[in-house]
Amino acid sequence: AVSQVRTLADGGLRVTLDLPEDAVYQAAWLM
């Protein structure tokens, strides 16, 4: 789920995603 989309001071974008509880491997991969 898209949790948040923010514009940063330098004009970049930050997107925050919420993953389900069973996406532990995917979260570890991203980390």
Full PDB file with SEQRES, HELIX, SHEET, SSBOND, CRYST1, ORIGX, SCALE, CONECT and MASTER records, all heavy atoms in Angstrom:
SEQRES   1 A   31  ALA VAL SER GLN VAL ARG THR LEU ALA ASP GLY GLY LEU          
SEQRES   2 A   31  ARG VAL THR LEU ASP LEU PRO GLU ASP ALA VAL TYR GLN          
SEQRES   3 A   31  ALA ALA TRP LEU MET                                          
HELIX    1 AA1 VAL A   24  LEU A   30  1                                   7    
SHEET    1 AA1 2 VAL A   2  THR A   7  0                                        
SHEET    2 AA1 2 LEU A  13  LEU A  17 -1                                        
CRYST1    1.000    1.000    1.000  90.00  90.00  90.00 P 1           1          
ORIGX1      1.000000  0.000000  0.000000        0.00000                         
ORIGX2      0.000000  1.000000  0.000000        0.00000                         
ORIGX3      0.000000  0.000000  1.000000        0.00000                         
SCALE1      1.000000  0.000000  0.000000        0.00000                         
SCALE2      0.000000  1.000000  0.000000        0.00000                         
SCALE3      0.000000  0.000000  1.000000        0.00000                         
ATOM      1  N   ALA A   1       0.864  -1.180   0.000  1.00  0.00           N  
ATOM      2  CA  ALA A   1       0.000   0.000   0.000  1.00  0.00           C  
ATOM      3  C   ALA A   1       0.901   1.231   0.000  1.00  0.00           C  
ATOM      4  O   ALA A   1       1.941   1.252   0.662  1.00  0.00           O  
ATOM      5  CB  ALA A   1      -0.887   0.001   1.240  1.00  0.00           C  
ATOM      6  N   VAL A   2       0.522   2.248  -0.760  1.00  0.00           N  
ATOM      7  CA  VAL A   2       1.267   3.500  -0.743  1.00  0.00           C  
ATOM      8  C   VAL A   2       0.844   4.242   0.520  1.00  0.00           C  
ATOM      9  O   VAL A   2      -0.307   4.636   0.670  1.00  0.00           O  
ATOM     10  CB  VAL A   2       0.988   4.344  -1.998  1.00  0.00           C  
ATOM     11  CG1 VAL A   2       1.727   5.664  -1.928  1.00  0.00           C  
ATOM     12  CG2 VAL A   2       1.370   3.577  -3.254  1.00  0.00           C  
ATOM     13  N   SER A   3       1.788   4.394   1.430  1.00  0.00           N  
ATOM     14  CA  SER A   3       1.502   5.018   2.713  1.00  0.00           C  
ATOM     15  C   SER A   3       1.666   6.528   2.660  1.00  0.00           C  
ATOM     16  O   SER A   3       0.899   7.270   3.266  1.00  0.00           O  
ATOM     17  CB  SER A   3       2.432   4.433   3.781  1.00  0.00           C  
ATOM     18  OG  SER A   3       2.271   5.090   5.006  1.00  0.00           O  
ATOM     19  N   GLN A   4       2.690   6.978   1.905  1.00  0.00           N  
ATOM     20  CA  GLN A   4       2.987   8.404   1.911  1.00  0.00           C  
ATOM     21  C   GLN A   4       3.831   8.761   0.693  1.00  0.00           C  
ATOM     22  O   GLN A   4       4.679   7.979   0.276  1.00  0.00           O  
ATOM     23  CB  GLN A   4       3.753   8.735   3.196  1.00  0.00           C  
ATOM     24  CG  GLN A   4       3.964  10.193   3.478  1.00  0.00           C  
ATOM     25  CD  GLN A   4       4.643  10.367   4.824  1.00  0.00           C  
ATOM     26  OE1 GLN A   4       5.853  10.174   4.912  1.00  0.00           O  
ATOM     27  NE2 GLN A   4       3.874  10.698   5.839  1.00  0.00           N  
ATOM     28  N   VAL A   5       3.579   9.945   0.133  1.00  0.00           N  
ATOM     29  CA  VAL A   5       4.416  10.511  -0.917  1.00  0.00           C  
ATOM     30  C   VAL A   5       4.739  11.939  -0.486  1.00  0.00           C  
ATOM     31  O   VAL A   5       3.834  12.717  -0.229  1.00  0.00           O  
ATOM     32  CB  VAL A   5       3.708  10.522  -2.290  1.00  0.00           C  
ATOM     33  CG1 VAL A   5       4.596  11.142  -3.351  1.00  0.00           C  
ATOM     34  CG2 VAL A   5       3.290   9.113  -2.699  1.00  0.00           C  
ATOM     35  N   ARG A   6       6.050  12.242  -0.381  1.00  0.00           N  
ATOM     36  CA  ARG A   6       6.465  13.562   0.082  1.00  0.00           C  
ATOM     37  C   ARG A   6       7.465  14.166  -0.894  1.00  0.00           C  
ATOM     38  O   ARG A   6       8.233  13.452  -1.523  1.00  0.00           O  
ATOM     39  CB  ARG A   6       7.139  13.476   1.456  1.00  0.00           C  
ATOM     40  CG  ARG A   6       6.251  12.964   2.530  1.00  0.00           C  
ATOM     41  CD  ARG A   6       6.855  12.975   3.904  1.00  0.00           C  
ATOM     42  NE  ARG A   6       8.318  12.949   3.925  1.00  0.00           N  
ATOM     43  CZ  ARG A   6       9.031  12.888   5.026  1.00  0.00           C  
ATOM     44  NH1 ARG A   6       8.442  12.836   6.191  1.00  0.00           N  
ATOM     45  NH2 ARG A   6      10.356  12.866   4.973  1.00  0.00           N  
ATOM     46  N   THR A   7       7.434  15.499  -0.959  1.00  0.00           N  
ATOM     47  CA  THR A   7       8.438  16.229  -1.712  1.00  0.00           C  
ATOM     48  C   THR A   7       9.507  16.687  -0.737  1.00  0.00           C  
ATOM     49  O   THR A   7       9.202  17.269   0.302  1.00  0.00           O  
ATOM     50  CB  THR A   7       7.813  17.453  -2.415  1.00  0.00           C  
ATOM     51  OG1 THR A   7       6.766  17.003  -3.265  1.00  0.00           O  
ATOM     52  CG2 THR A   7       8.847  18.190  -3.245  1.00  0.00           C  
ATOM     53  N   LEU A   8      10.765  16.418  -1.058  1.00  0.00           N  
ATOM     54  CA  LEU A   8      11.880  16.793  -0.200  1.00  0.00           C  
ATOM     55  C   LEU A   8      12.347  18.211  -0.514  1.00  0.00           C  
ATOM     56  O   LEU A   8      11.997  18.780  -1.555  1.00  0.00           O  
ATOM     57  CB  LEU A   8      13.024  15.796  -0.388  1.00  0.00           C  
ATOM     58  CG  LEU A   8      12.664  14.330  -0.136  1.00  0.00           C  
ATOM     59  CD1 LEU A   8      13.845  13.438  -0.471  1.00  0.00           C  
ATOM     60  CD2 LEU A   8      12.227  14.129   1.311  1.00  0.00           C  
ATOM     61  N   ALA A   9      13.144  18.777   0.358  1.00  0.00           N  
ATOM     62  CA  ALA A   9      13.631  20.144   0.206  1.00  0.00           C  
ATOM     63  C   ALA A   9      14.396  20.336  -1.103  1.00  0.00           C  
ATOM     64  O   ALA A   9      14.336  21.408  -1.704  1.00  0.00           O  
ATOM     65  CB  ALA A   9      14.510  20.525   1.390  1.00  0.00           C  
ATOM     66  N   ASP A  10      15.093  19.299  -1.560  1.00  0.00           N  
ATOM     67  CA  ASP A  10      15.877  19.418  -2.790  1.00  0.00           C  
ATOM     68  C   ASP A  10      15.049  19.122  -4.046  1.00  0.00           C  
ATOM     69  O   ASP A  10      15.568  19.058  -5.145  1.00  0.00           O  
ATOM     70  CB  ASP A  10      17.103  18.519  -2.746  1.00  0.00           C  
ATOM     71  CG  ASP A  10      16.762  17.034  -2.719  1.00  0.00           C  
ATOM     72  OD1 ASP A  10      15.563  16.672  -2.724  1.00  0.00           O  
ATOM     73  OD2 ASP A  10      17.704  16.213  -2.689  1.00  0.00           O  
ATOM     74  N   GLY A  11      13.736  18.919  -3.864  1.00  0.00           N  
ATOM     75  CA  GLY A  11      12.845  18.648  -4.992  1.00  0.00           C  
ATOM     76  C   GLY A  11      12.670  17.173  -5.289  1.00  0.00           C  
ATOM     77  O   GLY A  11      11.843  16.803  -6.119  1.00  0.00           O  
ATOM     78  N   GLY A  12      13.435  16.320  -4.609  1.00  0.00           N  
ATOM     79  CA  GLY A  12      13.274  14.878  -4.783  1.00  0.00           C  
ATOM     80  C   GLY A  12      11.965  14.403  -4.172  1.00  0.00           C  
ATOM     81  O   GLY A  12      11.270  15.150  -3.485  1.00  0.00           O  
ATOM     82  N   LEU A  13      11.629  13.169  -4.436  1.00  0.00           N  
ATOM     83  CA  LEU A  13      10.399  12.581  -3.901  1.00  0.00           C  
ATOM     84  C   LEU A  13      10.737  11.405  -3.012  1.00  0.00           C  
ATOM     85  O   LEU A  13      11.658  10.649  -3.303  1.00  0.00           O  
ATOM     86  CB  LEU A  13       9.488  12.115  -5.031  1.00  0.00           C  
ATOM     87  CG  LEU A  13       9.005  13.221  -5.969  1.00  0.00           C  
ATOM     88  CD1 LEU A  13       8.325  12.612  -7.176  1.00  0.00           C  
ATOM     89  CD2 LEU A  13       8.072  14.158  -5.246  1.00  0.00           C  
ATOM     90  N   ARG A  14       9.990  11.227  -1.950  1.00  0.00           N  
ATOM     91  CA  ARG A  14      10.142  10.067  -1.068  1.00  0.00           C  
ATOM     92  C   ARG A  14       8.797   9.361  -1.014  1.00  0.00           C  
ATOM     93  O   ARG A  14       7.780   9.955  -0.668  1.00  0.00           O  
ATOM     94  CB  ARG A  14      10.571  10.490   0.327  1.00  0.00           C  
ATOM     95  CG  ARG A  14      10.609   9.284   1.281  1.00  0.00           C  
ATOM     96  CD  ARG A  14      11.415   9.556   2.500  1.00  0.00           C  
ATOM     97  NE  ARG A  14      12.806   9.790   2.102  1.00  0.00           N  
ATOM     98  CZ  ARG A  14      13.655  10.512   2.820  1.00  0.00           C  
ATOM     99  NH1 ARG A  14      13.284  11.060   3.941  1.00  0.00           N  
ATOM    100  NH2 ARG A  14      14.892  10.678   2.403  1.00  0.00           N  
ATOM    101  N   VAL A  15       8.797   8.082  -1.360  1.00  0.00           N  
ATOM    102  CA  VAL A  15       7.588   7.261  -1.344  1.00  0.00           C  
ATOM    103  C   VAL A  15       7.750   6.210  -0.259  1.00  0.00           C  
ATOM    104  O   VAL A  15       8.755   5.500  -0.217  1.00  0.00           O  
ATOM    105  CB  VAL A  15       7.363   6.581  -2.715  1.00  0.00           C  
ATOM    106  CG1 VAL A  15       6.129   5.694  -2.680  1.00  0.00           C  
ATOM    107  CG2 VAL A  15       7.259   7.626  -3.818  1.00  0.00           C  
ATOM    108  N   THR A  16       6.768   6.109   0.623  1.00  0.00           N  
ATOM    109  CA  THR A  16       6.780   5.119   1.695  1.00  0.00           C  
ATOM    110  C   THR A  16       5.732   4.061   1.384  1.00  0.00           C  
ATOM    111  O   THR A  16       4.577   4.396   1.114  1.00  0.00           O  
ATOM    112  CB  THR A  16       6.468   5.778   3.053  1.00  0.00           C  
ATOM    113  OG1 THR A  16       7.407   6.828   3.282  1.00  0.00           O  
ATOM    114  CG2 THR A  16       6.533   4.768   4.183  1.00  0.00           C  
ATOM    115  N   LEU A  17       6.143   2.792   1.424  1.00  0.00           N  
ATOM    116  CA  LEU A  17       5.247   1.674   1.150  1.00  0.00           C  
ATOM    117  C   LEU A  17       5.013   0.870   2.416  1.00  0.00           C  
ATOM    118  O   LEU A  17       5.918   0.690   3.220  1.00  0.00           O  
ATOM    119  CB  LEU A  17       5.850   0.750   0.088  1.00  0.00           C  
ATOM    120  CG  LEU A  17       6.183   1.373  -1.258  1.00  0.00           C  
ATOM    121  CD1 LEU A  17       6.899   0.353  -2.138  1.00  0.00           C  
ATOM    122  CD2 LEU A  17       4.931   1.891  -1.939  1.00  0.00           C  
ATOM    123  N   ASP A  18       3.808   0.360   2.590  1.00  0.00           N  
ATOM    124  CA  ASP A  18       3.485  -0.565   3.667  1.00  0.00           C  
ATOM    125  C   ASP A  18       3.361  -1.960   3.068  1.00  0.00           C  
ATOM    126  O   ASP A  18       2.536  -2.186   2.183  1.00  0.00           O  
ATOM    127  CB  ASP A  18       2.157  -0.189   4.339  1.00  0.00           C  
ATOM    128  CG  ASP A  18       2.246   1.087   5.161  1.00  0.00           C  
ATOM    129  OD1 ASP A  18       3.363   1.502   5.500  1.00  0.00           O  
ATOM    130  OD2 ASP A  18       1.189   1.659   5.462  1.00  0.00           O  
ATOM    131  N   LEU A  19       4.203  -2.877   3.529  1.00  0.00           N  
ATOM    132  CA  LEU A  19       4.173  -4.257   3.062  1.00  0.00           C  
ATOM    133  C   LEU A  19       3.392  -5.115   4.043  1.00  0.00           C  
ATOM    134  O   LEU A  19       3.349  -4.802   5.230  1.00  0.00           O  
ATOM    135  CB  LEU A  19       5.595  -4.816   2.931  1.00  0.00           C  
ATOM    136  CG  LEU A  19       6.391  -4.453   1.678  1.00  0.00           C  
ATOM    137  CD1 LEU A  19       6.629  -2.971   1.566  1.00  0.00           C  
ATOM    138  CD2 LEU A  19       7.671  -5.221   1.644  1.00  0.00           C  
ATOM    139  N   PRO A  20       2.803  -6.207   3.575  1.00  0.00           N  
ATOM    140  CA  PRO A  20       2.077  -7.096   4.474  1.00  0.00           C  
ATOM    141  C   PRO A  20       3.035  -7.868   5.384  1.00  0.00           C  
ATOM    142  O   PRO A  20       4.250  -7.938   5.127  1.00  0.00           O  
ATOM    143  CB  PRO A  20       1.334  -8.041   3.526  1.00  0.00           C  
ATOM    144  CG  PRO A  20       2.135  -8.028   2.266  1.00  0.00           C  
ATOM    145  CD  PRO A  20       2.747  -6.665   2.178  1.00  0.00           C  
ATOM    146  N   GLU A  21       2.501  -8.445   6.425  1.00  0.00           N  
ATOM    147  CA  GLU A  21       3.300  -9.173   7.416  1.00  0.00           C  
ATOM    148  C   GLU A  21       4.096 -10.329   6.823  1.00  0.00           C  
ATOM    149  O   GLU A  21       5.150 -10.683   7.338  1.00  0.00           O  
ATOM    150  CB  GLU A  21       2.395  -9.709   8.528  1.00  0.00           C  
ATOM    151  CG  GLU A  21       1.766  -8.636   9.377  1.00  0.00           C  
ATOM    152  CD  GLU A  21       0.773  -9.195  10.384  1.00  0.00           C  
ATOM    153  OE1 GLU A  21       0.555 -10.426  10.405  1.00  0.00           O  
ATOM    154  OE2 GLU A  21       0.214  -8.394  11.143  1.00  0.00           O  
ATOM    155  N   ASP A  22       3.602 -10.925   5.744  1.00  0.00           N  
ATOM    156  CA  ASP A  22       4.287 -12.088   5.173  1.00  0.00           C  
ATOM    157  C   ASP A  22       5.369 -11.712   4.153  1.00  0.00           C  
ATOM    158  O   ASP A  22       5.949 -12.584   3.509  1.00  0.00           O  
ATOM    159  CB  ASP A  22       3.287 -13.062   4.562  1.00  0.00           C  
ATOM    160  CG  ASP A  22       2.497 -12.474   3.396  1.00  0.00           C  
ATOM    161  OD1 ASP A  22       2.617 -11.257   3.132  1.00  0.00           O  
ATOM    162  OD2 ASP A  22       1.762 -13.232   2.747  1.00  0.00           O  
ATOM    163  N   ALA A  23       5.693 -10.436   4.030  1.00  0.00           N  
ATOM    164  CA  ALA A  23       6.708  -9.982   3.076  1.00  0.00           C  
ATOM    165  C   ALA A  23       8.066  -9.780   3.758  1.00  0.00           C  
ATOM    166  O   ALA A  23       8.823  -8.881   3.413  1.00  0.00           O  
ATOM    167  CB  ALA A  23       6.251  -8.699   2.392  1.00  0.00           C  
ATOM    168  N   VAL A  24       8.386 -10.642   4.700  1.00  0.00           N  
ATOM    169  CA  VAL A  24       9.627 -10.516   5.461  1.00  0.00           C  
ATOM    170  C   VAL A  24      10.851 -10.681   4.547  1.00  0.00           C  
ATOM    171  O   VAL A  24      11.808  -9.903   4.635  1.00  0.00           O  
ATOM    172  CB  VAL A  24       9.663 -11.541   6.617  1.00  0.00           C  
ATOM    173  CG1 VAL A  24      10.991 -11.500   7.346  1.00  0.00           C  
ATOM    174  CG2 VAL A  24       8.511 -11.284   7.573  1.00  0.00           C  
ATOM    175  N   TYR A  25      10.837 -11.671   3.665  1.00  0.00           N  
ATOM    176  CA  TYR A  25      11.971 -11.869   2.758  1.00  0.00           C  
ATOM    177  C   TYR A  25      12.159 -10.644   1.877  1.00  0.00           C  
ATOM    178  O   TYR A  25      13.292 -10.176   1.679  1.00  0.00           O  
ATOM    179  CB  TYR A  25      11.774 -13.119   1.889  1.00  0.00           C  
ATOM    180  CG  TYR A  25      12.885 -13.266   0.878  1.00  0.00           C  
ATOM    181  CD1 TYR A  25      14.107 -13.816   1.250  1.00  0.00           C  
ATOM    182  CD2 TYR A  25      12.725 -12.815  -0.428  1.00  0.00           C  
ATOM    183  CE1 TYR A  25      15.155 -13.921   0.342  1.00  0.00           C  
ATOM    184  CE2 TYR A  25      13.772 -12.907  -1.341  1.00  0.00           C  
ATOM    185  CZ  TYR A  25      14.970 -13.460  -0.958  1.00  0.00           C  
ATOM    186  OH  TYR A  25      16.002 -13.550  -1.849  1.00  0.00           O  
ATOM    187  N   GLN A  26      11.079 -10.116   1.331  1.00  0.00           N  
ATOM    188  CA  GLN A  26      11.162  -8.959   0.451  1.00  0.00           C  
ATOM    189  C   GLN A  26      11.695  -7.737   1.192  1.00  0.00           C  
ATOM    190  O   GLN A  26      12.522  -6.983   0.661  1.00  0.00           O  
ATOM    191  CB  GLN A  26       9.791  -8.656  -0.165  1.00  0.00           C  
ATOM    192  CG  GLN A  26       9.328  -9.712  -1.143  1.00  0.00           C  
ATOM    193  CD  GLN A  26       8.596 -10.889  -0.507  1.00  0.00           C  
ATOM    194  OE1 GLN A  26       8.670 -11.115   0.697  1.00  0.00           O  
ATOM    195  NE2 GLN A  26       7.881 -11.631  -1.320  1.00  0.00           N  
ATOM    196  N   ALA A  27      11.252  -7.538   2.429  1.00  0.00           N  
ATOM    197  CA  ALA A  27      11.758  -6.420   3.230  1.00  0.00           C  
ATOM    198  C   ALA A  27      13.246  -6.597   3.511  1.00  0.00           C  
ATOM    199  O   ALA A  27      14.023  -5.638   3.413  1.00  0.00           O  
ATOM    200  CB  ALA A  27      10.962  -6.302   4.529  1.00  0.00           C  
ATOM    201  N   ALA A  28      13.667  -7.820   3.833  1.00  0.00           N  
ATOM    202  CA  ALA A  28      15.084  -8.087   4.084  1.00  0.00           C  
ATOM    203  C   ALA A  28      15.899  -7.837   2.818  1.00  0.00           C  
ATOM    204  O   ALA A  28      17.009  -7.292   2.884  1.00  0.00           O  
ATOM    205  CB  ALA A  28      15.272  -9.523   4.577  1.00  0.00           C  
ATOM    206  N   TRP A  29      15.368  -8.217   1.683  1.00  0.00           N  
ATOM    207  CA  TRP A  29      16.034  -7.997   0.408  1.00  0.00           C  
ATOM    208  C   TRP A  29      16.258  -6.505   0.184  1.00  0.00           C  
ATOM    209  O   TRP A  29      17.348  -6.068  -0.181  1.00  0.00           O  
ATOM    210  CB  TRP A  29      15.172  -8.605  -0.697  1.00  0.00           C  
ATOM    211  CG  TRP A  29      15.780  -8.691  -2.064  1.00  0.00           C  
ATOM    212  CD1 TRP A  29      16.435  -9.772  -2.596  1.00  0.00           C  
ATOM    213  CD2 TRP A  29      15.751  -7.699  -3.092  1.00  0.00           C  
ATOM    214  NE1 TRP A  29      16.808  -9.500  -3.887  1.00  0.00           N  
ATOM    215  CE2 TRP A  29      16.398  -8.229  -4.215  1.00  0.00           C  
ATOM    216  CE3 TRP A  29      15.227  -6.424  -3.168  1.00  0.00           C  
ATOM    217  CZ2 TRP A  29      16.547  -7.516  -5.398  1.00  0.00           C  
ATOM    218  CZ3 TRP A  29      15.382  -5.702  -4.348  1.00  0.00           C  
ATOM    219  CH2 TRP A  29      16.042  -6.259  -5.447  1.00  0.00           C  
ATOM    220  N   LEU A  30      15.211  -5.706   0.414  1.00  0.00           N  
ATOM    221  CA  LEU A  30      15.315  -4.253   0.254  1.00  0.00           C  
ATOM    222  C   LEU A  30      16.300  -3.652   1.255  1.00  0.00           C  
ATOM    223  O   LEU A  30      17.071  -2.743   0.922  1.00  0.00           O  
ATOM    224  CB  LEU A  30      13.939  -3.604   0.401  1.00  0.00           C  
ATOM    225  CG  LEU A  30      12.959  -3.912  -0.738  1.00  0.00           C  
ATOM    226  CD1 LEU A  30      11.547  -3.490  -0.338  1.00  0.00           C  
ATOM    227  CD2 LEU A  30      13.392  -3.230  -2.024  1.00  0.00           C  
ATOM    228  N   MET A  31      16.297  -4.157   2.488  1.00  0.00           N  
ATOM    229  CA  MET A  31      17.242  -3.666   3.493  1.00  0.00           C  
ATOM    230  C   MET A  31      18.679  -3.954   3.077  1.00  0.00           C  
ATOM    231  O   MET A  31      19.575  -3.130   3.298  1.00  0.00           O  
ATOM    232  CB  MET A  31      16.955  -4.289   4.856  1.00  0.00           C  
ATOM    233  CG  MET A  31      15.729  -3.716   5.531  1.00  0.00           C  
ATOM    234  SD  MET A  31      15.493  -4.420   7.172  1.00  0.00           S  
ATOM    235  CE  MET A  31      14.129  -5.524   6.851  1.00  0.00           C  
TER     236      MET A  31                                                      
MASTER        0    0    0    1    2    0    0    6  235    1    0    3          
END                                                                             
